[in-house]
């Protein structure tokens, strides 16, 4: 395999194939054609469009404009263009006019800054023929397209699904070119392989906002609870202890709670959100880079424009219905290193169940053509939770080591009860008897049994939940009554047994 230190100067074969395909479209499409290009995070999009800019300028003697939505991306793009010997200028808030425009072949601009300059008519780009849009799934770019309606527009994204469900990408892009999938990049050591661990999370309290994703307010209420904080800490200690870990949250309050939880537990942890100034952000990210077992809890700010290859674990301490955000978050841990061929993903938002595993093949052409159909067919939270099967954690399973089988098939037992013509609650009574047998078999006395009884809390909740789904009585009040009834009956039977 090629030496990866050449990145930025030499393109890999798969990148050259895509680049040639794009130039074929340049040559055979109208000058005002809008083309969208998809390549996974970590596949080298910036490298490819920097080389595209260089070749396009050389071939046409025209200028190129590259649009980004984050100031960090402006700097990264400008540096990459310089590696390709493309003379470029960043148009940021300090640039009020472009009197030196003739000195540059390429411009890199923030959307809002450029929009203000164009609307104020203090800048114009008479010689720009190609506009490249980085992270093209964001809708903020659309407002600029009217200024470049005679240009060839190339959108670049890892996920060709609009951030606004009411503004599909197919309305502004004529066609989509799909690059190599994540599975190819993993197989050829361009990306690290993810090992995903999913944790059962009840999302019934989450609310959807107008953008189609879960609201920050409802996420804060759920993920700031002691129960969820405890589940997060347990997941970390079970799967990621000692690994450099990046945690994504859906609210500042949640992230601060996470910081306090991990700090109290004695771990090296920092918190970062968009209220941090440039100096604070740099100091925190430098600490994260240079601390082997660092934990950084954050709020969306690091989904783009951030690259730390040494990350070993990503924790999704949030739920999202945004496919783009799902791939962006996991992508932060996917950078390949000679000593890092794998990384872990701890999912505490049912995201893998909703979208599929990160490395799974995705039909991007279908999603591009029919985004509404894709969104409408997303698995609901209710269906996800219905299909969850509780797996007893190892440390609890050890407490019941004398019992050969600790599982209880609610569906199978419900079918048997129905055939026998018995009332439906018989299913839970049989589940109670199995739990009783486990407690008696593995306890020395009543005190020991009552201690182990508390360990079965999650298992009891899961059995009752699946029972309620099966008999179609899934109201909150009924579930709560059934859980209390289950615990009360089991506790009485335990006390009688000893």
Protein backbone atom coordinates (compact mmCIF):
# COMPACT_ATOMS: atom_id res chain seq x y z
CA UNK A 1 0.00 0.00 0.00
CA UNK A 2 1.12 3.57 -0.68
CA UNK A 3 2.77 5.68 1.99
CA UNK A 4 0.03 7.83 3.53
CA UNK A 5 2.47 10.67 4.31
CA UNK A 6 1.95 11.70 0.67
CA UNK A 7 -1.59 12.89 1.42
CA UNK A 8 -2.09 16.44 0.18
CA UNK A 9 0.46 15.96 -2.61
CA UNK A 10 -0.46 12.63 -4.17
CA UNK A 11 -3.95 11.25 -4.60
CA UNK A 12 -4.89 7.60 -4.06
CA UNK A 13 -6.32 5.57 -6.92
CA UNK A 14 -9.93 5.79 -5.68
CA UNK A 15 -9.60 9.57 -5.31
CA UNK A 16 -8.22 9.89 -8.85
CA UNK A 17 -11.10 7.80 -10.21
CA UNK A 18 -13.64 10.14 -8.62
CA UNK A 19 -11.71 13.23 -9.73
CA UNK A 20 -11.64 12.02 -13.34
CA UNK A 21 -15.35 11.27 -13.18
CA UNK A 22 -16.03 14.81 -11.97
CA UNK A 23 -13.89 16.34 -14.74
CA UNK A 24 -15.76 14.23 -17.29
CA UNK A 25 -18.96 15.93 -16.08
CA UNK A 26 -17.28 19.36 -16.30
CA UNK A 27 -16.52 18.67 -19.96
CA UNK A 28 -19.93 17.24 -20.92
CA UNK A 29 -22.38 19.35 -18.92
CA UNK A 30 -23.53 22.98 -19.28
CA UNK A 31 -21.51 25.67 -17.49
CA UNK A 32 -24.35 26.19 -15.01
CA UNK A 33 -24.65 22.49 -14.05
CA UNK A 34 -24.97 21.65 -10.33
CA UNK A 35 -23.14 18.45 -9.39
CA UNK A 36 -23.09 16.77 -5.98
CA UNK A 37 -20.24 14.47 -4.87
CA UNK A 38 -20.45 12.09 -1.90
CA UNK A 39 -17.45 10.60 -0.07
CA UNK A 40 -17.33 9.39 3.58
CA UNK A 41 -15.74 11.46 6.31
CA UNK A 42 -12.03 10.62 6.28
CA UNK A 43 -12.03 9.75 2.57
CA UNK A 44 -10.13 12.91 1.68
CA UNK A 45 -12.75 15.31 0.29
CA UNK A 46 -10.60 18.38 0.98
CA UNK A 47 -7.64 16.80 -0.81
CA UNK A 48 -9.79 15.95 -3.82
CA UNK A 49 -11.46 19.31 -4.26
CA UNK A 50 -8.14 21.10 -3.73
CA UNK A 51 -6.69 19.13 -6.63
CA UNK A 52 -9.90 19.80 -8.60
CA UNK A 53 -9.41 23.53 -8.03
CA UNK A 54 -5.76 23.34 -9.12
CA UNK A 55 -6.53 21.46 -12.33
CA UNK A 56 -9.58 23.53 -13.16
CA UNK A 57 -7.61 26.78 -12.85
CA UNK A 58 -4.79 25.34 -14.95
CA UNK A 59 -7.12 24.03 -17.67
CA UNK A 60 -9.56 26.94 -17.97
CA UNK A 61 -7.59 29.95 -16.70
CA UNK A 62 -10.73 30.76 -14.69
CA UNK A 63 -11.00 31.30 -10.93
CA UNK A 64 -12.51 29.05 -8.25
CA UNK A 65 -14.55 29.94 -5.14
CA UNK A 66 -14.78 27.49 -2.22
CA UNK A 67 -17.58 27.98 0.33
CA UNK A 68 -17.50 26.70 3.92
CA UNK A 69 -19.79 27.15 6.92
CA UNK A 70 -17.15 27.16 9.68
CA UNK A 71 -14.10 29.40 10.18
CA UNK A 72 -11.98 26.33 11.07
CA UNK A 73 -12.82 24.79 7.69
CA UNK A 74 -11.72 28.00 5.95
CA UNK A 75 -8.26 27.73 7.48
CA UNK A 76 -7.92 24.00 6.77
CA UNK A 77 -9.02 24.46 3.16
CA UNK A 78 -6.67 27.38 2.60
CA UNK A 79 -3.71 25.41 3.94
CA UNK A 80 -4.54 22.40 1.76
CA UNK A 81 -4.83 24.63 -1.33
CA UNK A 82 -1.42 26.07 -0.54
CA UNK A 83 0.01 22.53 -0.45
CA UNK A 84 -1.31 22.13 -3.98
CA UNK A 85 0.37 25.42 -4.95
CA UNK A 86 -2.97 27.17 -5.46
CA UNK A 87 -2.66 30.87 -4.67
CA UNK A 88 -5.69 31.55 -2.49
CA UNK A 89 -7.24 34.16 -0.24
CA UNK A 90 -9.59 33.64 2.71
CA UNK A 91 -12.54 36.02 2.79
CA UNK A 92 -13.35 36.40 6.48
CA UNK A 93 -14.85 39.19 8.58
CA UNK A 94 -11.64 41.25 8.28
CA UNK A 95 -11.89 41.40 4.49
CA UNK A 96 -14.18 44.26 3.50
CA UNK A 97 -13.21 44.58 -0.17
CA UNK A 98 -11.25 42.62 -2.77
CA UNK A 99 -9.03 45.19 -4.41
CA UNK A 100 -6.24 42.58 -4.73
CA UNK A 101 -8.54 40.02 -6.41
CA UNK A 102 -6.36 39.70 -9.51
CA UNK A 103 -3.47 38.38 -7.42
CA UNK A 104 -5.35 35.18 -6.49
CA UNK A 105 -6.70 32.19 -8.42
CA UNK A 106 -8.95 30.83 -5.67
CA UNK A 107 -11.02 32.27 -2.82
CA UNK A 108 -12.18 30.54 0.36
CA UNK A 109 -15.16 32.16 2.04
CA UNK A 110 -17.53 31.77 4.97
CA UNK A 111 -21.15 31.74 3.86
CA UNK A 112 -22.48 34.57 6.03
CA UNK A 113 -19.48 36.85 5.46
CA UNK A 114 -19.62 36.44 1.71
CA UNK A 115 -23.38 36.86 1.64
CA UNK A 116 -23.05 40.20 3.42
CA UNK A 117 -20.32 41.42 1.05
CA UNK A 118 -22.27 40.38 -2.05
CA UNK A 119 -25.52 41.92 -0.86
CA UNK A 120 -23.69 45.14 0.02
CA UNK A 121 -22.18 44.99 -3.49
CA UNK A 122 -18.66 45.60 -2.16
CA UNK A 123 -17.28 42.44 -3.82
CA UNK A 124 -18.00 40.55 -7.03
CA UNK A 125 -16.38 37.62 -8.82
CA UNK A 126 -16.53 38.21 -12.58
CA UNK A 127 -13.87 35.55 -13.34
CA UNK A 128 -15.13 32.75 -11.05
CA UNK A 129 -16.43 29.85 -13.12
CA UNK A 130 -16.43 27.03 -10.54
CA UNK A 131 -17.97 27.19 -7.05
CA UNK A 132 -17.14 24.32 -4.65
CA UNK A 133 -19.42 23.91 -1.63
CA UNK A 134 -17.92 22.02 1.32
CA UNK A 135 -20.36 20.21 3.66
CA UNK A 136 -22.99 20.84 1.01
CA UNK A 137 -25.84 19.23 2.99
CA UNK A 138 -26.13 22.42 5.05
CA UNK A 139 -28.77 24.78 3.66
CA UNK A 140 -27.06 28.05 4.49
CA UNK A 141 -25.29 27.89 1.10
CA UNK A 142 -28.48 28.21 -0.94
CA UNK A 143 -28.75 31.95 -0.40
CA UNK A 144 -25.50 32.43 -2.38
CA UNK A 145 -26.41 30.41 -5.45
CA UNK A 146 -28.30 33.30 -7.06
CA UNK A 147 -25.00 35.20 -7.35
CA UNK A 148 -23.39 32.30 -9.23
CA UNK A 149 -26.19 31.11 -11.50
CA UNK A 150 -23.86 31.03 -14.51
CA UNK A 151 -21.17 28.97 -12.72
CA UNK A 152 -20.60 25.25 -12.44
CA UNK A 153 -21.40 24.33 -8.82
CA UNK A 154 -19.80 21.29 -7.18
CA UNK A 155 -21.25 20.33 -3.81
CA UNK A 156 -19.19 17.98 -1.63
CA UNK A 157 -20.58 16.04 1.34
CA UNK A 158 -20.34 12.76 3.23
CA UNK A 159 -24.15 12.57 3.46
CA UNK A 160 -26.23 13.87 0.52
CA UNK A 161 -29.30 14.45 2.68
CA UNK A 162 -30.36 18.04 3.36
CA UNK A 163 -30.15 19.39 6.91
CA UNK A 164 -33.62 20.85 6.28
CA UNK A 165 -36.22 18.20 5.43
CA UNK A 166 -38.29 20.83 3.58
CA UNK A 167 -35.42 21.72 1.20
CA UNK A 168 -34.23 18.49 -0.46
CA UNK A 169 -30.87 18.55 -2.23
CA UNK A 170 -32.31 17.18 -5.47
CA UNK A 171 -34.00 20.57 -5.95
CA UNK A 172 -30.69 22.38 -6.44
CA UNK A 173 -28.30 19.64 -7.63
CA UNK A 174 -28.83 17.98 -11.00
CA UNK A 175 -27.03 14.73 -10.21
CA UNK A 176 -25.03 12.83 -7.62
CA UNK A 177 -21.66 11.07 -7.94
CA UNK A 178 -21.09 8.50 -5.18
CA UNK A 179 -17.55 7.72 -4.04
CA UNK A 180 -16.19 4.57 -2.39
CA UNK A 181 -18.12 3.36 0.71
CA UNK A 182 -16.85 3.20 4.27
CA UNK A 183 -16.38 -0.59 4.01
CA UNK A 184 -13.88 -0.10 1.15
CA UNK A 185 -11.97 2.57 3.08
CA UNK A 186 -11.77 0.28 6.14
CA UNK A 187 -10.67 -2.73 4.10
CA UNK A 188 -7.85 -0.72 2.53
CA UNK A 189 -6.75 0.90 5.83
CA UNK A 190 -7.87 4.40 4.97
CA UNK A 191 -10.31 4.35 7.90
CA UNK A 192 -10.28 2.50 11.23
CA UNK A 193 -12.89 -0.18 11.89
CA UNK A 194 -15.63 0.67 14.39
CA UNK A 195 -16.83 -1.69 17.12
CA UNK A 196 -20.27 -0.49 18.19
CA UNK A 197 -21.89 -1.17 21.56
CA UNK A 198 -25.53 -0.15 21.96
CA UNK A 199 -27.19 0.51 25.32
CA UNK A 200 -30.94 0.27 25.82
CA UNK A 201 -32.26 3.83 26.23
CA UNK A 202 -35.93 4.79 26.58
CA UNK A 203 -36.56 7.80 24.35
CA UNK A 204 -40.31 8.18 24.91
CA UNK A 205 -39.88 11.58 26.60
CA UNK A 206 -37.97 13.13 23.67
CA UNK A 207 -39.78 15.69 21.49
CA UNK A 208 -39.17 16.49 17.81
CA UNK A 209 -38.46 20.07 16.76
CA UNK A 210 -39.35 21.85 13.52
CA UNK A 211 -36.04 20.74 11.96
CA UNK A 212 -37.06 17.09 12.36
CA UNK A 213 -34.55 16.30 15.12
CA UNK A 214 -34.96 15.92 18.88
CA UNK A 215 -35.15 19.21 20.78
CA UNK A 216 -32.33 20.28 23.05
CA UNK A 217 -34.80 20.94 25.88
CA UNK A 218 -36.28 17.42 25.92
CA UNK A 219 -32.79 15.89 25.50
CA UNK A 220 -31.49 17.88 28.47
CA UNK A 221 -34.33 16.59 30.66
CA UNK A 222 -33.62 12.95 29.77
CA UNK A 223 -29.82 12.88 29.60
CA UNK A 224 -29.21 15.02 32.70
CA UNK A 225 -30.93 12.54 35.00
CA UNK A 226 -28.90 10.59 37.54
CA UNK A 227 -30.01 7.34 35.86
CA UNK A 228 -28.65 8.35 32.45
CA UNK A 229 -25.45 9.76 33.93
CA UNK A 230 -24.94 6.48 35.77
CA UNK A 231 -25.59 4.50 32.57
CA UNK A 232 -23.04 6.64 30.70
CA UNK A 233 -20.37 6.16 33.36
CA UNK A 234 -21.08 2.42 33.44
CA UNK A 235 -20.75 2.19 29.64
CA UNK A 236 -17.43 4.06 29.72
CA UNK A 237 -16.00 1.92 32.52
CA UNK A 238 -17.20 -1.28 30.84
CA UNK A 239 -15.87 -0.56 27.32
CA UNK A 240 -13.65 2.51 27.15
CA UNK A 241 -11.80 3.00 30.43
CA UNK A 242 -8.32 4.39 29.80
CA UNK A 243 -9.05 5.23 26.12
CA UNK A 244 -9.01 8.71 24.65
CA UNK A 245 -12.74 9.43 24.47
CA UNK A 246 -14.91 12.08 22.83
CA UNK A 247 -18.49 12.39 24.12
CA UNK A 248 -21.24 14.10 22.10
CA UNK A 249 -24.26 15.59 23.91
CA UNK A 250 -27.32 17.53 22.79
CA UNK A 251 -27.13 20.32 25.35
CA UNK A 252 -24.68 22.36 27.40
CA UNK A 253 -26.36 21.45 30.69
CA UNK A 254 -26.02 17.73 29.91
CA UNK A 255 -22.37 18.11 28.96
CA UNK A 256 -21.62 19.95 32.20
CA UNK A 257 -23.34 17.17 34.16
CA UNK A 258 -21.20 14.64 32.27
CA UNK A 259 -18.09 16.64 33.19
CA UNK A 260 -19.05 16.63 36.87
CA UNK A 261 -19.93 12.92 36.84
CA UNK A 262 -16.57 11.89 35.37
CA UNK A 263 -14.59 14.37 37.45
CA UNK A 264 -16.21 13.06 40.64
CA UNK A 265 -15.31 9.50 39.54
CA UNK A 266 -11.65 10.58 39.30
CA UNK A 267 -11.18 10.71 35.52
CA UNK A 268 -9.30 13.28 33.42
CA UNK A 269 -12.14 15.16 31.77
CA UNK A 270 -12.83 18.57 30.19
CA UNK A 271 -15.97 20.21 28.81
CA UNK A 272 -16.20 22.24 25.59
CA UNK A 273 -19.11 24.09 24.01
CA UNK A 274 -19.57 27.06 21.65
CA UNK A 275 -19.38 29.61 24.47
CA UNK A 276 -15.62 28.99 24.81
CA UNK A 277 -13.42 31.67 23.27
CA UNK A 278 -10.66 30.90 20.79
CA UNK A 279 -7.95 30.75 23.47
CA UNK A 280 -9.97 28.43 25.75
CA UNK A 281 -10.87 26.16 22.85
CA UNK A 282 -7.21 25.87 21.77
CA UNK A 283 -6.06 25.12 25.32
CA UNK A 284 -8.70 22.39 25.79
CA UNK A 285 -8.02 20.76 22.42
CA UNK A 286 -4.25 20.84 23.05
CA UNK A 287 -4.85 19.14 26.40
CA UNK A 288 -7.05 16.53 24.71
CA UNK A 289 -4.44 15.88 22.03
CA UNK A 290 -1.58 15.43 24.50
CA UNK A 291 -3.39 13.43 27.22
CA UNK A 292 -3.54 9.69 26.36
CA UNK A 293 -6.58 8.82 28.51
CA UNK A 294 -8.38 12.16 28.15
CA UNK A 295 -12.18 12.44 28.12
CA UNK A 296 -13.69 15.43 26.30
CA UNK A 297 -17.41 16.06 26.67
CA UNK A 298 -18.82 18.42 24.05
CA UNK A 299 -21.95 19.84 22.43
CA UNK A 300 -21.94 19.37 18.61
CA UNK A 301 -19.12 21.90 18.16
CA UNK A 302 -16.63 19.18 17.14
CA UNK A 303 -18.72 17.44 14.46
CA UNK A 304 -16.92 19.26 11.61
CA UNK A 305 -13.64 21.14 11.27
CA UNK A 306 -12.01 19.01 13.97
CA UNK A 307 -9.49 16.24 13.41
CA UNK A 308 -7.80 14.31 16.23
CA UNK A 309 -6.59 10.93 14.87
CA UNK A 310 -5.68 9.54 18.32
CA UNK A 311 -9.33 9.32 19.47
CA UNK A 312 -10.04 5.71 20.49
CA UNK A 313 -13.67 5.94 21.53
CA UNK A 314 -16.73 7.95 20.49
CA UNK A 315 -19.69 8.09 22.87
CA UNK A 316 -23.04 9.19 21.43
CA UNK A 317 -24.65 10.43 24.63
CA UNK A 318 -27.60 11.69 22.64
CA UNK A 319 -30.19 10.57 20.13
CA UNK A 320 -30.49 12.12 16.68
CA UNK A 321 -32.69 11.69 13.64
CA UNK A 322 -30.09 13.43 11.46
CA UNK A 323 -28.24 10.89 9.31
CA UNK A 324 -25.55 13.50 8.57
CA UNK A 325 -24.91 14.17 12.25
CA UNK A 326 -24.75 10.43 12.98
CA UNK A 327 -21.98 9.92 10.41
CA UNK A 328 -20.15 13.13 11.41
CA UNK A 329 -20.00 12.20 15.09
CA UNK A 330 -18.70 8.67 14.51
CA UNK A 331 -16.36 9.95 11.80
CA UNK A 332 -14.39 11.91 14.43
CA UNK A 333 -12.96 8.62 15.69
CA UNK A 334 -12.42 6.90 12.35
CA UNK A 335 -8.98 8.23 11.43
CA UNK A 336 -6.57 5.39 10.71
CA UNK A 337 -3.11 5.24 12.29
CA UNK A 338 -0.49 2.47 12.06
CA UNK A 339 -1.11 1.72 15.75
CA UNK A 340 -4.87 2.32 15.58
CA UNK A 341 -6.83 0.05 13.26
CA UNK A 342 -10.01 0.05 15.32
CA UNK A 343 -12.02 2.35 17.56
CA UNK A 344 -15.11 1.96 19.76
CA UNK A 345 -18.54 3.57 19.47
CA UNK A 346 -20.79 3.56 22.55
CA UNK A 347 -24.34 4.38 21.47
CA UNK A 348 -26.68 5.70 24.18
CA UNK A 349 -29.30 7.06 21.80
CA UNK A 350 -30.55 4.03 19.81
CA UNK A 351 -28.83 5.62 16.78
CA UNK A 352 -27.36 2.42 15.31
CA UNK A 353 -30.79 0.78 15.51
CA UNK A 354 -32.28 3.81 13.73
CA UNK A 355 -29.76 4.21 10.91
CA UNK A 356 -27.85 0.94 10.79
CA UNK A 357 -24.21 0.36 11.60
CA UNK A 358 -21.79 3.12 10.57
CA UNK A 359 -19.90 0.88 8.13
CA UNK A 360 -23.01 -0.56 6.44
CA UNK A 361 -23.58 0.05 2.73
CA UNK A 362 -25.96 2.98 2.04
CA UNK A 363 -27.92 3.58 -1.16
CA UNK A 364 -27.09 7.29 -1.43
CA UNK A 365 -28.62 7.58 -4.89
CA UNK A 366 -31.98 6.45 -3.53
CA UNK A 367 -31.73 8.82 -0.58
CA UNK A 368 -30.79 11.70 -2.91
CA UNK A 369 -33.73 10.97 -5.24
CA UNK A 370 -36.31 10.18 -2.52
CA UNK A 371 -35.26 11.85 0.76
CA UNK A 372 -38.82 12.02 2.12
CA UNK A 373 -39.31 8.30 1.59
CA UNK A 374 -36.07 7.60 3.47
CA UNK A 375 -37.07 9.84 6.39
CA UNK A 376 -40.60 8.45 6.56
CA UNK A 377 -39.24 4.88 6.69
CA UNK A 378 -36.84 5.50 9.58
CA UNK A 379 -37.48 3.04 12.37
CA UNK A 380 -39.56 4.66 15.12
CA UNK A 381 -38.31 4.83 18.69
CA UNK A 382 -41.25 2.68 19.76
CA UNK A 383 -40.29 -0.04 17.28
CA UNK A 384 -36.64 0.16 18.33
CA UNK A 385 -37.54 -0.25 21.98
CA UNK A 386 -39.99 -3.03 21.21
CA UNK A 387 -37.19 -5.04 19.63
CA UNK A 388 -34.70 -4.46 22.44
CA UNK A 389 -33.73 -7.62 24.31
CA UNK A 390 -32.19 -7.11 27.72
CA UNK A 391 -28.78 -8.68 28.18
CA UNK A 392 -27.74 -9.09 31.79
CA UNK A 393 -24.39 -7.31 32.38
CA UNK A 394 -21.46 -9.58 33.22
CA UNK A 395 -21.04 -8.38 36.80
CA UNK A 396 -24.75 -9.08 37.54
CA UNK A 397 -24.68 -12.41 35.69
CA UNK A 398 -21.87 -13.55 38.01
CA UNK A 399 -24.21 -13.09 41.00
CA UNK A 400 -26.52 -15.69 39.43
CA UNK A 401 -23.82 -18.10 38.29
CA UNK A 402 -25.63 -21.19 39.66
CA UNK A 403 -28.53 -20.59 37.25
CA UNK A 404 -27.93 -22.04 33.80
CA UNK A 405 -30.40 -19.81 31.91
CA UNK A 406 -31.40 -16.36 33.19
CA UNK A 407 -33.37 -15.34 30.07
CA UNK A 408 -37.16 -15.39 29.79
CA UNK A 409 -38.90 -15.34 26.39
CA UNK A 410 -42.00 -13.17 26.91
CA UNK A 411 -43.37 -13.76 23.40
CA UNK A 412 -42.96 -17.53 23.55
CA UNK A 413 -44.58 -17.67 26.98
CA UNK A 414 -47.43 -15.37 25.86
CA UNK A 415 -48.19 -17.70 22.95
CA UNK A 416 -48.29 -20.68 25.35
CA UNK A 417 -50.60 -18.87 27.78
CA UNK A 418 -52.95 -17.93 24.95
CA UNK A 419 -53.12 -21.55 23.74
CA UNK A 420 -53.82 -22.71 27.29
CA UNK A 421 -56.70 -20.23 27.55
CA UNK A 422 -55.26 -18.52 30.65
CA UNK A 423 -55.38 -14.83 31.54
CA UNK A 424 -52.51 -12.79 30.09
CA UNK A 425 -50.98 -11.81 33.46
CA UNK A 426 -50.03 -15.49 33.87
CA UNK A 427 -47.04 -14.62 31.64
CA UNK A 428 -45.64 -12.25 34.27
CA UNK A 429 -46.46 -14.70 37.08
CA UNK A 430 -44.31 -17.30 35.32
CA UNK A 431 -41.56 -14.71 34.85
CA UNK A 432 -41.78 -13.94 38.58
CA UNK A 433 -41.40 -17.63 39.40
CA UNK A 434 -38.27 -17.85 37.25
CA UNK A 435 -36.75 -14.81 39.01
CA UNK A 436 -37.68 -16.38 42.37
CA UNK A 437 -35.88 -19.58 41.40
CA UNK A 438 -32.78 -17.57 40.46
CA UNK A 439 -32.78 -15.71 43.79
CA UNK A 440 -33.28 -18.84 45.91
CA UNK A 441 -30.68 -20.80 43.97
CA UNK A 442 -27.98 -18.13 44.28
CA UNK A 443 -28.57 -16.68 47.78
CA UNK A 444 -27.35 -17.82 51.20
CA UNK A 445 -30.08 -16.15 53.26
CA UNK A 446 -32.92 -13.59 53.07
CA UNK A 447 -30.58 -10.59 53.33
CA UNK A 448 -28.46 -11.93 50.46
CA UNK A 449 -31.59 -12.62 48.38
CA UNK A 450 -32.99 -9.10 48.91
CA UNK A 451 -29.64 -7.62 47.87
CA UNK A 452 -29.69 -9.65 44.65
CA UNK A 453 -33.36 -8.74 44.16
CA UNK A 454 -32.31 -5.11 43.56
CA UNK A 455 -29.92 -6.26 40.82
CA UNK A 456 -32.89 -7.53 38.81
CA UNK A 457 -34.51 -4.10 38.46
CA UNK A 458 -33.56 -3.55 34.79
CA UNK A 459 -34.49 -7.13 33.89
CA UNK A 460 -37.90 -6.71 35.52
CA UNK A 461 -38.53 -3.44 33.65
CA UNK A 462 -37.59 -5.12 30.37
CA UNK A 463 -39.88 -8.11 30.94
CA UNK A 464 -42.82 -5.87 31.83
CA UNK A 465 -42.14 -3.58 28.86
CA UNK A 466 -42.13 -6.49 26.38
CA UNK A 467 -45.22 -7.97 28.00
CA UNK A 468 -47.08 -4.65 27.66
CA UNK A 469 -46.12 -4.36 24.00
CA UNK A 470 -47.32 -7.89 23.34
CA UNK A 471 -50.76 -7.42 24.96
CA UNK A 472 -51.07 -3.91 23.43
CA UNK A 473 -51.32 -2.14 26.78
CA UNK A 474 -48.37 0.20 26.56
CA UNK A 475 -49.71 3.23 28.46
CA UNK A 476 -47.31 4.64 31.02
CA UNK A 477 -49.76 4.13 33.91
CA UNK A 478 -50.32 0.46 33.07
CA UNK A 479 -46.57 -0.22 32.72
CA UNK A 480 -45.84 1.41 36.05
CA UNK A 481 -48.63 -0.57 37.74
CA UNK A 482 -47.41 -3.85 36.20
CA UNK A 483 -43.81 -3.17 37.31
CA UNK A 484 -44.87 -2.45 40.90
CA UNK A 485 -47.13 -5.52 40.93
CA UNK A 486 -44.27 -7.69 39.62
CA UNK A 487 -41.82 -6.43 42.25
CA UNK A 488 -44.34 -6.72 45.07
CA UNK A 489 -45.27 -10.32 44.23
CA UNK A 490 -41.63 -11.33 43.76
CA UNK A 491 -40.55 -9.77 47.05
CA UNK A 492 -43.32 -11.54 48.98
CA UNK A 493 -42.39 -14.88 47.45
CA UNK A 494 -38.70 -14.33 48.30
CA UNK A 495 -39.56 -13.59 51.94
CA UNK A 496 -41.78 -16.65 52.15
CA UNK A 497 -39.05 -18.83 50.65
CA UNK A 498 -36.55 -17.93 53.38
